[in-house]
Amino acid sequence: MTVKVHNLAMGGPRALLLCLFGAVLFLTGIQTFEFSGSQALQCYSFQHIYFGPFDLSGMKFLNVSCLLGCSEAVLSLNTGYGSAVTMVQKGCWTGPAMVQMQRNDKALPPHYSVVRGCGTDFCNTNLQTHDSLPNLSRAPNPRTLSGAKCYSCVGIHPEDCTPEKSRQVQCHQDQSICFQGNGSMTFGNFSVPVYIRTCHRPSCTIQGTTSPRTNIDLQGSCCEGHLCNKDSISLHQRLGHRPS
């Protein structure tokens, strides 16, 4: 190293100029590489609420530029008796490439969420159909009933879930009381309210799902009696039993 520096100094202004020019090219190359590596990705953008099976195959999505990656998410809340509200979202991702899945079909009401992040152009196309969700309305086998009968519905407006628009269902054996409540489903800055009536277990325990990027939050009350979950569902209803 000492010999090279000595020879350069002995070369005069021309050698010094060549050295400086080479350094500029080297630094420029680094800056160009860093810039190209930070160019935005192109991702699909979409959000919608479904009240039945969904199929996005063949659908044309909007495009959006994202700095870090693409994302897609599906959140679903089910009565356990064939009715569901499902949130589907595609857009930008702000975390590491990953798949985050939370399934709580043993909870009542049953619910499920899956979130996927990826790092290439238009990579957020894996969650395309209702087949990506588990069956949250699976009846017990053998199918036995408790004798209780409740209203069953789920929607995103109070009027979606009035007793007049609800089904009357015979409750499964381990579900002998009725439930009515409300809450929200959230992924990032996309959030929708939910209103629900269904059967429940005597414990009346509500388990939501919370993660760094998703949230299914529920609160409500339970009652005992034939079709007793017929009251209006308020936004601030708290969990607990009420007289039938």
C-alpha atoms as a PDB file:
ATOM      1  CA  MET A   1       0.000   0.000   0.000  1.00  0.00           C
ATOM      2  CA  THR A   2       2.881   2.405   0.755  1.00  0.00           C
ATOM      3  CA  VAL A   3       4.486   1.806  -2.663  1.00  0.00           C
ATOM      4  CA  LYS A   4       1.219   2.517  -4.513  1.00  0.00           C
ATOM      5  CA  VAL A   5       0.613   5.760  -2.713  1.00  0.00           C
ATOM      6  CA  HIS A   6       4.215   6.828  -3.338  1.00  0.00           C
ATOM      7  CA  ASN A   7       3.950   6.074  -7.079  1.00  0.00           C
ATOM      8  CA  LEU A   8       0.671   7.970  -7.332  1.00  0.00           C
ATOM      9  CA  ALA A   9       2.156  11.015  -5.698  1.00  0.00           C
ATOM     10  CA  MET A  10       5.091  10.865  -8.042  1.00  0.00           C
ATOM     11  CA  GLY A  11       2.737  10.729 -11.044  1.00  0.00           C
ATOM     12  CA  GLY A  12       1.709  14.355 -10.665  1.00  0.00           C
ATOM     13  CA  PRO A  13      -1.642  16.066 -11.368  1.00  0.00           C
ATOM     14  CA  ARG A  14      -2.695  13.647 -14.132  1.00  0.00           C
ATOM     15  CA  ALA A  15      -2.530  10.622 -11.849  1.00  0.00           C
ATOM     16  CA  LEU A  16      -4.405  12.486  -9.134  1.00  0.00           C
ATOM     17  CA  LEU A  17      -7.116  13.485 -11.604  1.00  0.00           C
ATOM     18  CA  LEU A  18      -7.529   9.886 -12.790  1.00  0.00           C
ATOM     19  CA  CYS A  19      -7.823   8.738  -9.193  1.00  0.00           C
ATOM     20  CA  LEU A  20     -10.515  11.290  -8.383  1.00  0.00           C
ATOM     21  CA  PHE A  21     -12.415  10.442 -11.561  1.00  0.00           C
ATOM     22  CA  GLY A  22     -12.383   6.749 -10.659  1.00  0.00           C
ATOM     23  CA  ALA A  23     -13.680   7.527  -7.177  1.00  0.00           C
ATOM     24  CA  VAL A  24     -16.562   9.546  -8.631  1.00  0.00           C
ATOM     25  CA  LEU A  25     -17.521   6.658 -10.929  1.00  0.00           C
ATOM     26  CA  PHE A  26     -17.399   4.223  -8.005  1.00  0.00           C
ATOM     27  CA  LEU A  27     -19.624   6.377  -5.802  1.00  0.00           C
ATOM     28  CA  THR A  28     -22.032   7.043  -8.670  1.00  0.00           C
ATOM     29  CA  GLY A  29     -22.319   3.315  -9.267  1.00  0.00           C
ATOM     30  CA  ILE A  30     -23.232   2.738  -5.629  1.00  0.00           C
ATOM     31  CA  GLN A  31     -25.881   5.463  -5.670  1.00  0.00           C
ATOM     32  CA  THR A  32     -27.382   4.117  -8.903  1.00  0.00           C
ATOM     33  CA  PHE A  33     -27.580   0.591  -7.461  1.00  0.00           C
ATOM     34  CA  GLU A  34     -29.233   1.812  -4.269  1.00  0.00           C
ATOM     35  CA  PHE A  35     -31.762   3.855  -6.210  1.00  0.00           C
ATOM     36  CA  SER A  36     -32.717   1.005  -8.502  1.00  0.00           C
ATOM     37  CA  GLY A  37     -33.066  -1.273  -5.492  1.00  0.00           C
ATOM     38  CA  SER A  38     -35.521   1.113  -3.866  1.00  0.00           C
ATOM     39  CA  GLN A  39     -37.832   1.536  -6.840  1.00  0.00           C
ATOM     40  CA  ALA A  40     -41.490   1.025  -5.958  1.00  0.00           C
ATOM     41  CA  LEU A  41     -43.215  -2.277  -6.586  1.00  0.00           C
ATOM     42  CA  GLN A  42     -46.442  -2.530  -8.535  1.00  0.00           C
ATOM     43  CA  CYS A  43     -49.225  -4.206  -6.550  1.00  0.00           C
ATOM     44  CA  TYR A  44     -52.908  -4.918  -7.001  1.00  0.00           C
ATOM     45  CA  SER A  45     -55.329  -2.742  -5.021  1.00  0.00           C
ATOM     46  CA  PHE A  46     -58.781  -3.963  -3.995  1.00  0.00           C
ATOM     47  CA  GLN A  47     -61.149  -4.010  -1.049  1.00  0.00           C
ATOM     48  CA  HIS A  48     -64.676  -5.378  -0.768  1.00  0.00           C
ATOM     49  CA  ILE A  49     -67.148  -6.925   1.664  1.00  0.00           C
ATOM     50  CA  TYR A  50     -68.877 -10.195   0.745  1.00  0.00           C
ATOM     51  CA  PHE A  51     -71.879 -11.894   2.341  1.00  0.00           C
ATOM     52  CA  GLY A  52     -71.377 -15.216   0.581  1.00  0.00           C
ATOM     53  CA  PRO A  53     -68.730 -17.102  -1.393  1.00  0.00           C
ATOM     54  CA  PHE A  54     -66.373 -14.888  -3.403  1.00  0.00           C
ATOM     55  CA  ASP A  55     -64.317 -15.529  -6.533  1.00  0.00           C
ATOM     56  CA  LEU A  56     -61.783 -12.936  -7.705  1.00  0.00           C
ATOM     57  CA  SER A  57     -60.316 -14.995 -10.547  1.00  0.00           C
ATOM     58  CA  GLY A  58     -60.616 -13.109 -13.812  1.00  0.00           C
ATOM     59  CA  MET A  59     -61.330  -9.815 -12.042  1.00  0.00           C
ATOM     60  CA  LYS A  60     -59.349  -6.742 -13.114  1.00  0.00           C
ATOM     61  CA  PHE A  61     -57.820  -4.879 -10.176  1.00  0.00           C
ATOM     62  CA  LEU A  62     -56.465  -1.369  -9.884  1.00  0.00           C
ATOM     63  CA  ASN A  63     -52.685  -0.990  -9.660  1.00  0.00           C
ATOM     64  CA  VAL A  64     -50.847   0.855  -6.893  1.00  0.00           C
ATOM     65  CA  SER A  65     -47.156   1.675  -6.331  1.00  0.00           C
ATOM     66  CA  CYS A  66     -45.765   0.378  -3.018  1.00  0.00           C
ATOM     67  CA  LEU A  67     -42.356   1.045  -1.478  1.00  0.00           C
ATOM     68  CA  LEU A  68     -41.814  -2.193   0.457  1.00  0.00           C
ATOM     69  CA  GLY A  69     -44.125  -4.890  -0.856  1.00  0.00           C
ATOM     70  CA  CYS A  70     -47.637  -6.101  -1.624  1.00  0.00           C
ATOM     71  CA  SER A  71     -50.259  -7.487   0.737  1.00  0.00           C
ATOM     72  CA  GLU A  72     -53.529  -9.377   0.698  1.00  0.00           C
ATOM     73  CA  ALA A  73     -55.855 -10.252   3.546  1.00  0.00           C
ATOM     74  CA  VAL A  74     -59.112 -12.116   4.153  1.00  0.00           C
ATOM     75  CA  LEU A  75     -61.084 -11.769   7.403  1.00  0.00           C
ATOM     76  CA  SER A  76     -64.343 -13.628   7.952  1.00  0.00           C
ATOM     77  CA  LEU A  77     -66.933 -13.684  10.752  1.00  0.00           C
ATOM     78  CA  ASN A  78     -69.490 -16.500  10.710  1.00  0.00           C
ATOM     79  CA  THR A  79     -72.667 -17.261  12.636  1.00  0.00           C
ATOM     80  CA  GLY A  80     -71.781 -20.959  12.627  1.00  0.00           C
ATOM     81  CA  TYR A  81     -75.097 -21.565  10.849  1.00  0.00           C
ATOM     82  CA  GLY A  82     -74.299 -20.748   7.232  1.00  0.00           C
ATOM     83  CA  SER A  83     -74.131 -16.922   7.224  1.00  0.00           C
ATOM     84  CA  ALA A  84     -70.896 -14.930   7.045  1.00  0.00           C
ATOM     85  CA  VAL A  85     -69.443 -11.506   6.350  1.00  0.00           C
ATOM     86  CA  THR A  86     -66.013 -11.563   4.708  1.00  0.00           C
ATOM     87  CA  MET A  87     -63.548  -8.714   4.177  1.00  0.00           C
ATOM     88  CA  VAL A  88     -61.091  -8.983   1.262  1.00  0.00           C
ATOM     89  CA  GLN A  89     -58.262  -6.457   0.869  1.00  0.00           C
ATOM     90  CA  LYS A  90     -55.239  -6.121  -1.430  1.00  0.00           C
ATOM     91  CA  GLY A  91     -52.697  -3.299  -1.387  1.00  0.00           C
ATOM     92  CA  CYS A  92     -49.306  -2.280   0.026  1.00  0.00           C
ATOM     93  CA  TRP A  93     -47.303  -4.148   2.666  1.00  0.00           C
ATOM     94  CA  THR A  94     -45.143  -2.594   5.357  1.00  0.00           C
ATOM     95  CA  GLY A  95     -43.646  -5.662   7.030  1.00  0.00           C
ATOM     96  CA  PRO A  96     -41.464  -8.665   6.158  1.00  0.00           C
ATOM     97  CA  ALA A  97     -42.666 -11.200   3.612  1.00  0.00           C
ATOM     98  CA  MET A  98     -44.816 -13.590   5.596  1.00  0.00           C
ATOM     99  CA  VAL A  99     -48.119 -15.387   5.943  1.00  0.00           C
ATOM    100  CA  GLN A 100     -50.040 -14.706   9.137  1.00  0.00           C
ATOM    101  CA  MET A 101     -53.014 -16.976   9.748  1.00  0.00           C
ATOM    102  CA  GLN A 102     -55.386 -17.015  12.700  1.00  0.00           C
ATOM    103  CA  ARG A 103     -58.220 -19.498  12.917  1.00  0.00           C
ATOM    104  CA  ASN A 104     -60.715 -19.578  15.771  1.00  0.00           C
ATOM    105  CA  ASP A 105     -63.475 -21.851  14.545  1.00  0.00           C
ATOM    106  CA  LYS A 106     -63.865 -23.302  18.060  1.00  0.00           C
ATOM    107  CA  ALA A 107     -64.800 -19.858  19.385  1.00  0.00           C
ATOM    108  CA  LEU A 108     -68.310 -18.501  19.143  1.00  0.00           C
ATOM    109  CA  PRO A 109     -69.042 -16.816  16.870  1.00  0.00           C
ATOM    110  CA  PRO A 110     -66.393 -18.601  14.733  1.00  0.00           C
ATOM    111  CA  HIS A 111     -64.001 -16.412  12.753  1.00  0.00           C
ATOM    112  CA  TYR A 112     -60.840 -16.575  10.660  1.00  0.00           C
ATOM    113  CA  SER A 113     -58.187 -14.250   9.243  1.00  0.00           C
ATOM    114  CA  VAL A 114     -55.221 -14.705   6.922  1.00  0.00           C
ATOM    115  CA  VAL A 115     -52.706 -12.020   5.901  1.00  0.00           C
ATOM    116  CA  ARG A 116     -49.969 -12.432   3.311  1.00  0.00           C
ATOM    117  CA  GLY A 117     -47.085 -10.108   2.420  1.00  0.00           C
ATOM    118  CA  CYS A 118     -44.795 -10.530  -0.605  1.00  0.00           C
ATOM    119  CA  GLY A 119     -42.010  -8.637  -2.357  1.00  0.00           C
ATOM    120  CA  THR A 120     -42.368  -8.858  -6.159  1.00  0.00           C
ATOM    121  CA  ASP A 121     -44.523  -7.021  -8.686  1.00  0.00           C
ATOM    122  CA  PHE A 122     -48.203  -8.062  -8.639  1.00  0.00           C
ATOM    123  CA  CYS A 123     -47.526 -10.922  -6.221  1.00  0.00           C
ATOM    124  CA  ASN A 124     -50.674 -10.406  -4.107  1.00  0.00           C
ATOM    125  CA  THR A 125     -52.831 -12.889  -6.052  1.00  0.00           C
ATOM    126  CA  ASN A 126     -52.836 -15.999  -3.851  1.00  0.00           C
ATOM    127  CA  LEU A 127     -56.088 -15.343  -1.970  1.00  0.00           C
ATOM    128  CA  GLN A 128     -58.550 -15.389  -4.854  1.00  0.00           C
ATOM    129  CA  THR A 129     -61.554 -17.503  -3.861  1.00  0.00           C
ATOM    130  CA  HIS A 130     -63.665 -18.535  -0.901  1.00  0.00           C
ATOM    131  CA  ASP A 131     -61.807 -21.857  -0.993  1.00  0.00           C
ATOM    132  CA  SER A 132     -58.939 -20.150   0.870  1.00  0.00           C
ATOM    133  CA  LEU A 133     -61.161 -20.114   4.005  1.00  0.00           C
ATOM    134  CA  PRO A 134     -61.962 -23.079   6.254  1.00  0.00           C
ATOM    135  CA  ASN A 135     -65.560 -24.154   6.773  1.00  0.00           C
ATOM    136  CA  LEU A 136     -66.729 -22.115   9.767  1.00  0.00           C
ATOM    137  CA  SER A 137     -70.290 -23.523   9.692  1.00  0.00           C
ATOM    138  CA  ARG A 138     -69.441 -27.179  10.110  1.00  0.00           C
ATOM    139  CA  ALA A 139     -72.194 -29.018  12.001  1.00  0.00           C
ATOM    140  CA  PRO A 140     -71.152 -31.495  14.694  1.00  0.00           C
ATOM    141  CA  ASN A 141     -71.158 -35.164  13.771  1.00  0.00           C
ATOM    142  CA  PRO A 142     -73.418 -36.752  14.832  1.00  0.00           C
ATOM    143  CA  ARG A 143     -75.685 -33.727  14.563  1.00  0.00           C
ATOM    144  CA  THR A 144     -77.538 -33.309  17.835  1.00  0.00           C
ATOM    145  CA  LEU A 145     -79.584 -30.327  18.983  1.00  0.00           C
ATOM    146  CA  SER A 146     -79.876 -28.573  22.337  1.00  0.00           C
ATOM    147  CA  GLY A 147     -83.545 -27.684  21.964  1.00  0.00           C
ATOM    148  CA  ALA A 148     -82.798 -23.947  21.911  1.00  0.00           C
ATOM    149  CA  LYS A 149     -83.920 -21.794  19.007  1.00  0.00           C
ATOM    150  CA  CYS A 150     -82.299 -18.432  18.182  1.00  0.00           C
ATOM    151  CA  TYR A 151     -82.204 -15.753  15.519  1.00  0.00           C
ATOM    152  CA  SER A 152     -79.137 -16.014  13.277  1.00  0.00           C
ATOM    153  CA  CYS A 153     -77.750 -13.262  11.043  1.00  0.00           C
ATOM    154  CA  VAL A 154     -74.630 -11.191  10.379  1.00  0.00           C
ATOM    155  CA  GLY A 155     -74.219  -7.876   8.544  1.00  0.00           C
ATOM    156  CA  ILE A 156     -72.442  -4.539   8.469  1.00  0.00           C
ATOM    157  CA  HIS A 157     -75.507  -2.379   9.232  1.00  0.00           C
ATOM    158  CA  PRO A 158     -78.042  -2.754  12.068  1.00  0.00           C
ATOM    159  CA  GLU A 159     -80.817  -3.124   9.507  1.00  0.00           C
ATOM    160  CA  ASP A 160     -78.965  -6.104   7.955  1.00  0.00           C
ATOM    161  CA  CYS A 161     -79.529  -8.060  11.142  1.00  0.00           C
ATOM    162  CA  THR A 162     -83.039  -7.300  12.385  1.00  0.00           C
ATOM    163  CA  PRO A 163     -85.120 -10.250  13.627  1.00  0.00           C
ATOM    164  CA  GLU A 164     -87.295  -9.879  10.522  1.00  0.00           C
ATOM    165  CA  LYS A 165     -84.241 -10.458   8.283  1.00  0.00           C
ATOM    166  CA  SER A 166     -82.754 -13.201  10.451  1.00  0.00           C
ATOM    167  CA  ARG A 167     -83.060 -16.955  10.124  1.00  0.00           C
ATOM    168  CA  GLN A 168     -84.497 -18.992  12.970  1.00  0.00           C
ATOM    169  CA  VAL A 169     -82.054 -21.808  13.701  1.00  0.00           C
ATOM    170  CA  GLN A 170     -82.095 -24.877  15.931  1.00  0.00           C
ATOM    171  CA  CYS A 171     -78.949 -24.674  18.068  1.00  0.00           C
ATOM    172  CA  HIS A 172     -76.315 -27.394  18.268  1.00  0.00           C
ATOM    173  CA  GLN A 173     -76.150 -29.513  21.409  1.00  0.00           C
ATOM    174  CA  ASP A 174     -73.430 -27.519  23.209  1.00  0.00           C
ATOM    175  CA  GLN A 175     -75.191 -24.203  22.451  1.00  0.00           C
ATOM    176  CA  SER A 176     -78.244 -23.683  24.616  1.00  0.00           C
ATOM    177  CA  ILE A 177     -78.484 -19.880  24.787  1.00  0.00           C
ATOM    178  CA  CYS A 178     -78.764 -17.039  22.269  1.00  0.00           C
ATOM    179  CA  PHE A 179     -76.315 -14.230  21.518  1.00  0.00           C
ATOM    180  CA  GLN A 180     -76.576 -10.797  19.935  1.00  0.00           C
ATOM    181  CA  GLY A 181     -73.777  -8.286  19.571  1.00  0.00           C
ATOM    182  CA  ASN A 182     -71.655  -6.054  17.410  1.00  0.00           C
ATOM    183  CA  GLY A 183     -68.056  -5.113  16.775  1.00  0.00           C
ATOM    184  CA  SER A 184     -65.669  -4.513  13.902  1.00  0.00           C
ATOM    185  CA  MET A 185     -63.267  -6.210  11.511  1.00  0.00           C
ATOM    186  CA  THR A 186     -60.070  -4.317  10.724  1.00  0.00           C
ATOM    187  CA  PHE A 187     -57.028  -4.752   8.498  1.00  0.00           C
ATOM    188  CA  GLY A 188     -54.688  -1.760   8.426  1.00  0.00           C
ATOM    189  CA  ASN A 189     -56.826   1.322   7.823  1.00  0.00           C
ATOM    190  CA  PHE A 190     -59.719  -0.677   6.313  1.00  0.00           C
ATOM    191  CA  SER A 191     -62.391  -1.311   8.942  1.00  0.00           C
ATOM    192  CA  VAL A 192     -66.072  -2.264   8.853  1.00  0.00           C
ATOM    193  CA  PRO A 193     -68.670  -2.586  11.652  1.00  0.00           C
ATOM    194  CA  VAL A 194     -70.378  -5.945  12.145  1.00  0.00           C
ATOM    195  CA  TYR A 195     -73.704  -6.930  13.736  1.00  0.00           C
ATOM    196  CA  ILE A 196     -74.517 -10.516  14.608  1.00  0.00           C
ATOM    197  CA  ARG A 197     -77.128 -12.819  16.191  1.00  0.00           C
ATOM    198  CA  THR A 198     -76.578 -16.526  16.715  1.00  0.00           C
ATOM    199  CA  CYS A 199     -76.538 -19.420  19.201  1.00  0.00           C
ATOM    200  CA  HIS A 200     -73.974 -19.598  21.985  1.00  0.00           C
ATOM    201  CA  ARG A 201     -72.646 -21.774  24.780  1.00  0.00           C
ATOM    202  CA  PRO A 202     -73.828 -21.223  28.379  1.00  0.00           C
ATOM    203  CA  SER A 203     -70.494 -19.559  29.224  1.00  0.00           C
ATOM    204  CA  CYS A 204     -71.252 -16.723  26.757  1.00  0.00           C
ATOM    205  CA  THR A 205     -67.507 -16.224  26.239  1.00  0.00           C
ATOM    206  CA  ILE A 206     -66.584 -14.085  23.229  1.00  0.00           C
ATOM    207  CA  GLN A 207     -63.095 -14.514  21.775  1.00  0.00           C
ATOM    208  CA  GLY A 208     -61.961 -12.027  19.181  1.00  0.00           C
ATOM    209  CA  THR A 209     -58.770 -12.134  17.133  1.00  0.00           C
ATOM    210  CA  THR A 210     -56.032  -9.519  17.440  1.00  0.00           C
ATOM    211  CA  SER A 211     -52.662  -9.310  15.689  1.00  0.00           C
ATOM    212  CA  PRO A 212     -50.309  -6.472  14.707  1.00  0.00           C
ATOM    213  CA  ARG A 213     -52.245  -5.992  11.454  1.00  0.00           C
ATOM    214  CA  THR A 214     -55.717  -7.487  11.920  1.00  0.00           C
ATOM    215  CA  ASN A 215     -58.448  -7.261  14.494  1.00  0.00           C
ATOM    216  CA  ILE A 216     -61.855  -8.932  14.870  1.00  0.00           C
ATOM    217  CA  ASP A 217     -63.468  -7.351  17.902  1.00  0.00           C
ATOM    218  CA  LEU A 218     -66.870  -8.370  19.302  1.00  0.00           C
ATOM    219  CA  GLN A 219     -69.037  -7.509  22.282  1.00  0.00           C
ATOM    220  CA  GLY A 220     -72.626  -8.335  23.132  1.00  0.00           C
ATOM    221  CA  SER A 221     -74.969 -10.201  25.474  1.00  0.00           C
ATOM    222  CA  CYS A 222     -76.557 -13.616  25.850  1.00  0.00           C
ATOM    223  CA  CYS A 223     -80.051 -14.659  26.903  1.00  0.00           C
ATOM    224  CA  GLU A 224     -82.005 -17.815  27.611  1.00  0.00           C
ATOM    225  CA  GLY A 225     -85.363 -18.469  26.018  1.00  0.00           C
ATOM    226  CA  HIS A 226     -87.061 -19.168  22.707  1.00  0.00           C
ATOM    227  CA  LEU A 227     -85.819 -16.618  20.104  1.00  0.00           C
ATOM    228  CA  CYS A 228     -84.829 -14.245  22.911  1.00  0.00           C
ATOM    229  CA  ASN A 229     -82.029 -12.472  20.962  1.00  0.00           C
ATOM    230  CA  LYS A 230     -84.471 -10.088  19.294  1.00  0.00           C
ATOM    231  CA  ASP A 231     -83.501  -6.744  20.841  1.00  0.00           C
ATOM    232  CA  SER A 232     -81.926  -3.900  18.884  1.00  0.00           C
ATOM    233  CA  ILE A 233     -78.141  -4.158  18.695  1.00  0.00           C
ATOM    234  CA  SER A 234     -76.453  -1.014  19.969  1.00  0.00           C
ATOM    235  CA  LEU A 235     -72.915   0.067  19.186  1.00  0.00           C
ATOM    236  CA  HIS A 236     -71.849  -0.044  22.826  1.00  0.00           C
ATOM    237  CA  GLN A 237     -73.500  -3.241  24.012  1.00  0.00           C
ATOM    238  CA  ARG A 238     -71.358  -5.001  26.611  1.00  0.00           C
ATOM    239  CA  LEU A 239     -70.835  -8.688  27.107  1.00  0.00           C
ATOM    240  CA  GLY A 240     -72.999 -10.442  29.679  1.00  0.00           C
ATOM    241  CA  HIS A 241     -76.249 -12.256  30.344  1.00  0.00           C
ATOM    242  CA  ARG A 242     -79.522 -10.427  30.373  1.00  0.00           C
ATOM    243  CA  PRO A 243     -82.972 -11.570  31.463  1.00  0.00           C
ATOM    244  CA  SER A 244     -84.893 -13.514  28.844  1.00  0.00           C
END
